[in-house]
Amino acid sequence: MPPASGSSRALPDLVHQAYVEIRNLIVTCRLAPGARIHESEAALRLGSSRTPVRAALQRLQQEGYVTGATPGRRARPTVTPLTVEDARELFEIVGDIEGLAAERAAQRPLPRRRALVRRLTRLNADYLRASSSHQPEPDRLFALDTQFHRTYVDAGAGSRLLALHDAIKPQVERYVRVYQTALLDAIRTSVREHEVIIEKIGSGPPEAAHQAVVTNWRNAAERMRAVIGSRGETGSW
């Protein structure tokens, strides 16, 4: 039920709930690129008023998931299209940030690097097995790939780099999920690129680890370009 009038303490929770719900629908493409988002329908689904939904949509617009969520009666929020240019920009930014973290991870003391290499190798193997199963689970593929990259980021990044990473990486999620669904066969290529990252973190030089990460993300952007080109920016997802 909607909160009682004047229950301001409940509003932040409702805004967060609306944000999480709508964002999840967008990143899993249950709200397709270009789809119109009706505040009244979203509010009914959440069992709330339109106020928290409107606030959630404005936050999603700031993060690039929604357009047209401006205050006022004429607001027409829609899911931001998946575009080649947006994918390239996001993937390159993430690649540079994670590349710097990998470069720093490659400078850690040898025992720490060996432990990191073992952890990354296990995750990469799990990722390959998950993609090769009879019915690959998209959520598991996404979780394993995310964990692989986050592992070396955590090992190398300082607090400022982590803050930058946490601010931008979530915006890549719906592209990565589309990639893993539409380009399942390409995951083997990603796994091989991950192997290069692991090798360079383990044996250096550190700059090579940086470059291996950048290459992985830029190649993924090129593969993503083919998907968007075939389906269209607001195509069938």
C-alpha atoms as a PDB file:
ATOM      1  CA  MET A   1       0.000   0.000   0.000  1.00  0.00           C
ATOM      2  CA  PRO A   2       1.155   3.593  -0.557  1.00  0.00           C
ATOM      3  CA  PRO A   3       2.541   5.288   2.519  1.00  0.00           C
ATOM      4  CA  ALA A   4       0.233   7.434   4.600  1.00  0.00           C
ATOM      5  CA  SER A   5       0.192  11.135   3.847  1.00  0.00           C
ATOM      6  CA  GLY A   6       3.156  12.895   5.454  1.00  0.00           C
ATOM      7  CA  SER A   7       5.153   9.675   5.896  1.00  0.00           C
ATOM      8  CA  SER A   8       8.333  11.229   4.524  1.00  0.00           C
ATOM      9  CA  ARG A   9      10.567   8.574   6.054  1.00  0.00           C
ATOM     10  CA  ALA A  10       9.067   5.956   3.718  1.00  0.00           C
ATOM     11  CA  LEU A  11       9.615   7.988   0.538  1.00  0.00           C
ATOM     12  CA  PRO A  12      13.368   7.269   0.082  1.00  0.00           C
ATOM     13  CA  ASP A  13      12.668   3.548   0.387  1.00  0.00           C
ATOM     14  CA  LEU A  14       9.901   3.762  -2.205  1.00  0.00           C
ATOM     15  CA  VAL A  15      12.128   5.730  -4.570  1.00  0.00           C
ATOM     16  CA  HIS A  16      14.880   3.120  -4.207  1.00  0.00           C
ATOM     17  CA  GLN A  17      12.395   0.297  -4.748  1.00  0.00           C
ATOM     18  CA  ALA A  18      11.065   1.963  -7.887  1.00  0.00           C
ATOM     19  CA  TYR A  19      14.602   2.625  -9.134  1.00  0.00           C
ATOM     20  CA  VAL A  20      15.701  -0.984  -8.631  1.00  0.00           C
ATOM     21  CA  GLU A  21      12.540  -2.401 -10.204  1.00  0.00           C
ATOM     22  CA  ILE A  22      12.595  -0.214 -13.309  1.00  0.00           C
ATOM     23  CA  ARG A  23      16.357  -0.491 -13.768  1.00  0.00           C
ATOM     24  CA  ASN A  24      16.131  -4.279 -13.601  1.00  0.00           C
ATOM     25  CA  LEU A  25      13.429  -4.278 -16.282  1.00  0.00           C
ATOM     26  CA  ILE A  26      15.638  -2.107 -18.487  1.00  0.00           C
ATOM     27  CA  VAL A  27      18.943  -3.982 -18.121  1.00  0.00           C
ATOM     28  CA  THR A  28      17.238  -7.328 -18.788  1.00  0.00           C
ATOM     29  CA  CYS A  29      15.465  -5.781 -21.802  1.00  0.00           C
ATOM     30  CA  ARG A  30      12.014  -6.575 -20.452  1.00  0.00           C
ATOM     31  CA  LEU A  31      11.602  -2.861 -21.070  1.00  0.00           C
ATOM     32  CA  ALA A  32      13.078  -2.687 -24.545  1.00  0.00           C
ATOM     33  CA  PRO A  33      15.165   0.195 -25.912  1.00  0.00           C
ATOM     34  CA  GLY A  34      12.791   2.934 -27.062  1.00  0.00           C
ATOM     35  CA  ALA A  35       9.889   1.666 -24.950  1.00  0.00           C
ATOM     36  CA  ARG A  36       7.646   4.254 -23.318  1.00  0.00           C
ATOM     37  CA  ILE A  37       7.494   4.137 -19.514  1.00  0.00           C
ATOM     38  CA  HIS A  38       4.106   5.093 -18.083  1.00  0.00           C
ATOM     39  CA  GLU A  39       4.389   6.540 -14.587  1.00  0.00           C
ATOM     40  CA  SER A  40       0.856   5.501 -13.658  1.00  0.00           C
ATOM     41  CA  GLU A  41       1.420   1.868 -14.696  1.00  0.00           C
ATOM     42  CA  ALA A  42       4.742   1.718 -12.869  1.00  0.00           C
ATOM     43  CA  ALA A  43       3.145   3.186  -9.740  1.00  0.00           C
ATOM     44  CA  LEU A  44       0.335   0.639  -9.877  1.00  0.00           C
ATOM     45  CA  ARG A  45       2.848  -2.191 -10.267  1.00  0.00           C
ATOM     46  CA  LEU A  46       4.790  -0.953  -7.236  1.00  0.00           C
ATOM     47  CA  GLY A  47       1.740  -0.150  -5.158  1.00  0.00           C
ATOM     48  CA  SER A  48       2.830   3.440  -4.663  1.00  0.00           C
ATOM     49  CA  SER A  49       2.021   6.941  -5.793  1.00  0.00           C
ATOM     50  CA  ARG A  50       3.638   8.436  -8.909  1.00  0.00           C
ATOM     51  CA  THR A  51       5.987  10.610  -6.836  1.00  0.00           C
ATOM     52  CA  PRO A  52       8.629   7.936  -6.085  1.00  0.00           C
ATOM     53  CA  VAL A  53       8.355   6.609  -9.637  1.00  0.00           C
ATOM     54  CA  ARG A  54       9.033  10.077 -11.023  1.00  0.00           C
ATOM     55  CA  ALA A  55      12.059  10.493  -8.744  1.00  0.00           C
ATOM     56  CA  ALA A  56      13.377   7.067  -9.749  1.00  0.00           C
ATOM     57  CA  LEU A  57      13.009   7.914 -13.446  1.00  0.00           C
ATOM     58  CA  GLN A  58      14.933  11.137 -12.986  1.00  0.00           C
ATOM     59  CA  ARG A  59      17.775   9.191 -11.369  1.00  0.00           C
ATOM     60  CA  LEU A  60      17.698   6.668 -14.221  1.00  0.00           C
ATOM     61  CA  GLN A  61      17.893   9.546 -16.680  1.00  0.00           C
ATOM     62  CA  GLN A  62      21.008  10.855 -14.929  1.00  0.00           C
ATOM     63  CA  GLU A  63      22.566   7.403 -15.365  1.00  0.00           C
ATOM     64  CA  GLY A  64      21.683   7.215 -19.056  1.00  0.00           C
ATOM     65  CA  TYR A  65      18.967   4.551 -18.925  1.00  0.00           C
ATOM     66  CA  VAL A  66      15.996   6.843 -19.573  1.00  0.00           C
ATOM     67  CA  THR A  67      15.329   9.957 -21.617  1.00  0.00           C
ATOM     68  CA  GLY A  68      12.527  12.504 -21.351  1.00  0.00           C
ATOM     69  CA  ALA A  69      11.976  12.108 -17.601  1.00  0.00           C
ATOM     70  CA  THR A  70      11.777  15.859 -17.047  1.00  0.00           C
ATOM     71  CA  PRO A  71       9.468  17.244 -14.358  1.00  0.00           C
ATOM     72  CA  GLY A  72       6.055  18.327 -15.600  1.00  0.00           C
ATOM     73  CA  ARG A  73       2.841  16.975 -17.003  1.00  0.00           C
ATOM     74  CA  ARG A  74       4.262  16.582 -20.521  1.00  0.00           C
ATOM     75  CA  ALA A  75       7.070  14.259 -19.466  1.00  0.00           C
ATOM     76  CA  ARG A  76       7.382  11.263 -21.797  1.00  0.00           C
ATOM     77  CA  PRO A  77      10.065   9.009 -20.304  1.00  0.00           C
ATOM     78  CA  THR A  78      11.371   6.312 -22.614  1.00  0.00           C
ATOM     79  CA  VAL A  79      14.117   3.713 -22.376  1.00  0.00           C
ATOM     80  CA  THR A  80      17.300   5.053 -23.946  1.00  0.00           C
ATOM     81  CA  PRO A  81      18.128   3.248 -27.208  1.00  0.00           C
ATOM     82  CA  LEU A  82      21.135   0.955 -27.397  1.00  0.00           C
ATOM     83  CA  THR A  83      23.523   2.733 -29.737  1.00  0.00           C
ATOM     84  CA  VAL A  84      26.889   1.888 -31.227  1.00  0.00           C
ATOM     85  CA  GLU A  85      28.335   5.228 -30.140  1.00  0.00           C
ATOM     86  CA  ASP A  86      27.130   4.863 -26.543  1.00  0.00           C
ATOM     87  CA  ALA A  87      28.439   1.294 -26.319  1.00  0.00           C
ATOM     88  CA  ARG A  88      31.833   2.315 -27.679  1.00  0.00           C
ATOM     89  CA  GLU A  89      32.151   5.249 -25.292  1.00  0.00           C
ATOM     90  CA  LEU A  90      31.126   3.236 -22.243  1.00  0.00           C
ATOM     91  CA  PHE A  91      33.300   0.251 -23.116  1.00  0.00           C
ATOM     92  CA  GLU A  92      36.334   2.452 -23.729  1.00  0.00           C
ATOM     93  CA  ILE A  93      35.883   4.323 -20.447  1.00  0.00           C
ATOM     94  CA  VAL A  94      35.487   1.088 -18.495  1.00  0.00           C
ATOM     95  CA  GLY A  95      38.432  -0.421 -20.345  1.00  0.00           C
ATOM     96  CA  ASP A  96      40.708   2.466 -19.425  1.00  0.00           C
ATOM     97  CA  ILE A  97      39.652   2.425 -15.757  1.00  0.00           C
ATOM     98  CA  GLU A  98      39.953  -1.343 -15.418  1.00  0.00           C
ATOM     99  CA  GLY A  99      43.166  -1.309 -17.434  1.00  0.00           C
ATOM    100  CA  LEU A 100      44.758   1.044 -14.939  1.00  0.00           C
ATOM    101  CA  ALA A 101      43.613  -1.210 -12.094  1.00  0.00           C
ATOM    102  CA  ALA A 102      45.092  -4.251 -13.856  1.00  0.00           C
ATOM    103  CA  GLU A 103      48.380  -2.402 -14.369  1.00  0.00           C
ATOM    104  CA  ARG A 104      48.550  -1.698 -10.648  1.00  0.00           C
ATOM    105  CA  ALA A 105      47.572  -5.257  -9.788  1.00  0.00           C
ATOM    106  CA  ALA A 106      50.496  -6.445 -11.930  1.00  0.00           C
ATOM    107  CA  GLN A 107      52.806  -4.432  -9.669  1.00  0.00           C
ATOM    108  CA  ARG A 108      51.724  -6.184  -6.477  1.00  0.00           C
ATOM    109  CA  PRO A 109      54.195  -8.496  -4.678  1.00  0.00           C
ATOM    110  CA  LEU A 110      54.631 -11.871  -6.359  1.00  0.00           C
ATOM    111  CA  PRO A 111      52.731 -13.963  -3.743  1.00  0.00           C
ATOM    112  CA  ARG A 112      49.696 -11.684  -4.078  1.00  0.00           C
ATOM    113  CA  ARG A 113      49.855 -11.824  -7.869  1.00  0.00           C
ATOM    114  CA  ARG A 114      50.051 -15.619  -7.835  1.00  0.00           C
ATOM    115  CA  ALA A 115      46.980 -15.827  -5.612  1.00  0.00           C
ATOM    116  CA  LEU A 116      45.179 -13.362  -7.881  1.00  0.00           C
ATOM    117  CA  VAL A 117      46.100 -15.353 -10.987  1.00  0.00           C
ATOM    118  CA  ARG A 118      44.720 -18.541  -9.423  1.00  0.00           C
ATOM    119  CA  ARG A 119      41.466 -16.787  -8.537  1.00  0.00           C
ATOM    120  CA  LEU A 120      41.087 -15.265 -12.002  1.00  0.00           C
ATOM    121  CA  THR A 121      41.863 -18.579 -13.680  1.00  0.00           C
ATOM    122  CA  ARG A 122      39.123 -20.335 -11.700  1.00  0.00           C
ATOM    123  CA  LEU A 123      36.584 -17.639 -12.506  1.00  0.00           C
ATOM    124  CA  ASN A 124      37.462 -17.700 -16.197  1.00  0.00           C
ATOM    125  CA  ALA A 125      37.101 -21.477 -16.302  1.00  0.00           C
ATOM    126  CA  ASP A 126      33.721 -21.222 -14.562  1.00  0.00           C
ATOM    127  CA  TYR A 127      32.663 -18.610 -17.103  1.00  0.00           C
ATOM    128  CA  LEU A 128      33.586 -20.884 -20.000  1.00  0.00           C
ATOM    129  CA  ARG A 129      31.749 -23.851 -18.464  1.00  0.00           C
ATOM    130  CA  ALA A 130      28.660 -21.755 -17.807  1.00  0.00           C
ATOM    131  CA  SER A 131      28.599 -20.558 -21.414  1.00  0.00           C
ATOM    132  CA  SER A 132      29.039 -24.120 -22.713  1.00  0.00           C
ATOM    133  CA  SER A 133      26.159 -25.658 -20.760  1.00  0.00           C
ATOM    134  CA  HIS A 134      23.061 -26.936 -22.542  1.00  0.00           C
ATOM    135  CA  GLN A 135      20.998 -23.943 -21.430  1.00  0.00           C
ATOM    136  CA  PRO A 136      23.305 -21.135 -20.308  1.00  0.00           C
ATOM    137  CA  GLU A 137      21.830 -18.961 -17.557  1.00  0.00           C
ATOM    138  CA  PRO A 138      22.168 -15.264 -18.422  1.00  0.00           C
ATOM    139  CA  ASP A 139      22.311 -14.149 -14.787  1.00  0.00           C
ATOM    140  CA  ARG A 140      25.134 -16.588 -14.027  1.00  0.00           C
ATOM    141  CA  LEU A 141      27.094 -15.542 -17.108  1.00  0.00           C
ATOM    142  CA  PHE A 142      26.760 -11.909 -16.129  1.00  0.00           C
ATOM    143  CA  ALA A 143      27.730 -12.601 -12.509  1.00  0.00           C
ATOM    144  CA  LEU A 144      30.842 -14.590 -13.440  1.00  0.00           C
ATOM    145  CA  ASP A 145      32.056 -12.057 -15.998  1.00  0.00           C
ATOM    146  CA  THR A 146      31.445  -9.210 -13.556  1.00  0.00           C
ATOM    147  CA  GLN A 147      33.260 -11.071 -10.791  1.00  0.00           C
ATOM    148  CA  PHE A 148      36.240 -11.767 -13.065  1.00  0.00           C
ATOM    149  CA  HIS A 149      36.759  -8.103 -13.852  1.00  0.00           C
ATOM    150  CA  ARG A 150      35.979  -6.915 -10.339  1.00  0.00           C
ATOM    151  CA  THR A 151      38.564  -9.284  -8.864  1.00  0.00           C
ATOM    152  CA  TYR A 152      41.552  -7.640 -10.535  1.00  0.00           C
ATOM    153  CA  VAL A 153      40.024  -4.182 -10.096  1.00  0.00           C
ATOM    154  CA  ASP A 154      39.783  -4.738  -6.333  1.00  0.00           C
ATOM    155  CA  ALA A 155      43.353  -6.054  -6.308  1.00  0.00           C
ATOM    156  CA  GLY A 156      44.815  -3.014  -8.031  1.00  0.00           C
ATOM    157  CA  ALA A 157      42.591   0.033  -7.620  1.00  0.00           C
ATOM    158  CA  GLY A 158      42.788   2.633  -4.882  1.00  0.00           C
ATOM    159  CA  SER A 159      39.776   4.374  -3.412  1.00  0.00           C
ATOM    160  CA  ARG A 160      39.513   7.053  -6.111  1.00  0.00           C
ATOM    161  CA  LEU A 161      39.778   4.574  -8.961  1.00  0.00           C
ATOM    162  CA  LEU A 162      37.204   2.325  -7.295  1.00  0.00           C
ATOM    163  CA  ALA A 163      34.832   5.279  -6.964  1.00  0.00           C
ATOM    164  CA  LEU A 164      35.161   6.018 -10.685  1.00  0.00           C
ATOM    165  CA  HIS A 165      34.634   2.363 -11.509  1.00  0.00           C
ATOM    166  CA  ASP A 166      31.558   2.082  -9.311  1.00  0.00           C
ATOM    167  CA  ALA A 167      30.082   5.182 -10.930  1.00  0.00           C
ATOM    168  CA  ILE A 168      30.439   4.053 -14.547  1.00  0.00           C
ATOM    169  CA  LYS A 169      30.481   0.228 -14.603  1.00  0.00           C
ATOM    170  CA  PRO A 170      26.754  -0.274 -13.820  1.00  0.00           C
ATOM    171  CA  GLN A 171      25.883   1.687 -16.958  1.00  0.00           C
ATOM    172  CA  VAL A 172      27.469  -1.046 -19.072  1.00  0.00           C
ATOM    173  CA  GLU A 173      25.253  -3.778 -17.647  1.00  0.00           C
ATOM    174  CA  ARG A 174      22.507  -3.881 -20.257  1.00  0.00           C
ATOM    175  CA  TYR A 175      25.055  -3.896 -23.098  1.00  0.00           C
ATOM    176  CA  VAL A 176      26.954  -6.754 -21.455  1.00  0.00           C
ATOM    177  CA  ARG A 177      23.740  -8.722 -20.914  1.00  0.00           C
ATOM    178  CA  VAL A 178      22.736  -8.269 -24.555  1.00  0.00           C
ATOM    179  CA  TYR A 179      26.262  -9.265 -25.609  1.00  0.00           C
ATOM    180  CA  GLN A 180      26.145 -12.467 -23.588  1.00  0.00           C
ATOM    181  CA  THR A 181      22.717 -13.413 -24.927  1.00  0.00           C
ATOM    182  CA  ALA A 182      23.135 -12.457 -28.581  1.00  0.00           C
ATOM    183  CA  LEU A 183      26.819 -13.382 -28.878  1.00  0.00           C
ATOM    184  CA  LEU A 184      27.012 -16.561 -26.852  1.00  0.00           C
ATOM    185  CA  ASP A 185      29.570 -18.079 -29.238  1.00  0.00           C
ATOM    186  CA  ALA A 186      31.791 -15.007 -28.783  1.00  0.00           C
ATOM    187  CA  ILE A 187      32.202 -15.771 -25.081  1.00  0.00           C
ATOM    188  CA  ARG A 188      34.952 -18.243 -26.000  1.00  0.00           C
ATOM    189  CA  THR A 189      36.800 -15.349 -27.617  1.00  0.00           C
ATOM    190  CA  SER A 190      36.269 -13.287 -24.469  1.00  0.00           C
ATOM    191  CA  VAL A 191      37.644 -16.162 -22.394  1.00  0.00           C
ATOM    192  CA  ARG A 192      40.810 -16.219 -24.506  1.00  0.00           C
ATOM    193  CA  GLU A 193      41.177 -12.471 -24.064  1.00  0.00           C
ATOM    194  CA  HIS A 194      40.724 -12.962 -20.323  1.00  0.00           C
ATOM    195  CA  GLU A 195      43.550 -15.493 -20.419  1.00  0.00           C
ATOM    196  CA  VAL A 196      45.845 -12.810 -21.837  1.00  0.00           C
ATOM    197  CA  ILE A 197      44.817 -10.461 -19.023  1.00  0.00           C
ATOM    198  CA  ILE A 198      45.632 -13.153 -16.467  1.00  0.00           C
ATOM    199  CA  GLU A 199      48.998 -13.874 -18.065  1.00  0.00           C
ATOM    200  CA  LYS A 200      50.017 -10.217 -18.140  1.00  0.00           C
ATOM    201  CA  ILE A 201      48.934  -9.595 -14.545  1.00  0.00           C
ATOM    202  CA  GLY A 202      50.963 -12.608 -13.491  1.00  0.00           C
ATOM    203  CA  SER A 203      54.135 -12.008 -15.483  1.00  0.00           C
ATOM    204  CA  GLY A 204      53.969  -8.394 -16.655  1.00  0.00           C
ATOM    205  CA  PRO A 205      55.097  -5.994 -17.710  1.00  0.00           C
ATOM    206  CA  PRO A 206      52.358  -3.994 -15.951  1.00  0.00           C
ATOM    207  CA  GLU A 207      51.681  -1.861 -19.044  1.00  0.00           C
ATOM    208  CA  ALA A 208      50.879  -5.056 -20.953  1.00  0.00           C
ATOM    209  CA  ALA A 209      48.196  -5.939 -18.401  1.00  0.00           C
ATOM    210  CA  HIS A 210      46.675  -2.509 -18.948  1.00  0.00           C
ATOM    211  CA  GLN A 211      46.685  -2.986 -22.711  1.00  0.00           C
ATOM    212  CA  ALA A 212      45.194  -6.483 -22.481  1.00  0.00           C
ATOM    213  CA  VAL A 213      42.190  -5.135 -20.578  1.00  0.00           C
ATOM    214  CA  VAL A 214      41.725  -2.222 -22.979  1.00  0.00           C
ATOM    215  CA  THR A 215      41.879  -4.650 -25.917  1.00  0.00           C
ATOM    216  CA  ASN A 216      39.269  -6.927 -24.349  1.00  0.00           C
ATOM    217  CA  TRP A 217      36.788  -4.069 -23.895  1.00  0.00           C
ATOM    218  CA  ARG A 218      37.424  -2.514 -27.309  1.00  0.00           C
ATOM    219  CA  ASN A 219      36.996  -5.855 -29.045  1.00  0.00           C
ATOM    220  CA  ALA A 220      33.763  -6.375 -27.125  1.00  0.00           C
ATOM    221  CA  ALA A 221      32.556  -2.968 -28.328  1.00  0.00           C
ATOM    222  CA  GLU A 222      33.228  -4.012 -31.926  1.00  0.00           C
ATOM    223  CA  ARG A 223      31.331  -7.255 -31.439  1.00  0.00           C
ATOM    224  CA  MET A 224      28.499  -5.295 -29.828  1.00  0.00           C
ATOM    225  CA  ARG A 225      28.432  -2.981 -32.855  1.00  0.00           C
ATOM    226  CA  ALA A 226      27.499  -5.919 -35.075  1.00  0.00           C
ATOM    227  CA  VAL A 227      24.594  -6.857 -32.814  1.00  0.00           C
ATOM    228  CA  ILE A 228      23.167  -3.336 -32.694  1.00  0.00           C
ATOM    229  CA  GLY A 229      23.677  -2.994 -36.435  1.00  0.00           C
ATOM    230  CA  SER A 230      21.633  -6.118 -37.124  1.00  0.00           C
ATOM    231  CA  ARG A 231      18.830  -5.397 -34.643  1.00  0.00           C
ATOM    232  CA  GLY A 232      18.664  -1.623 -34.682  1.00  0.00           C
ATOM    233  CA  GLU A 233      18.939   0.788 -31.777  1.00  0.00           C
ATOM    234  CA  THR A 234      15.332   0.159 -30.747  1.00  0.00           C
ATOM    235  CA  GLY A 235      14.989  -3.234 -32.362  1.00  0.00           C
ATOM    236  CA  SER A 236      13.758  -6.568 -31.050  1.00  0.00           C
ATOM    237  CA  TRP A 237      15.647  -7.400 -27.855  1.00  0.00           C
END
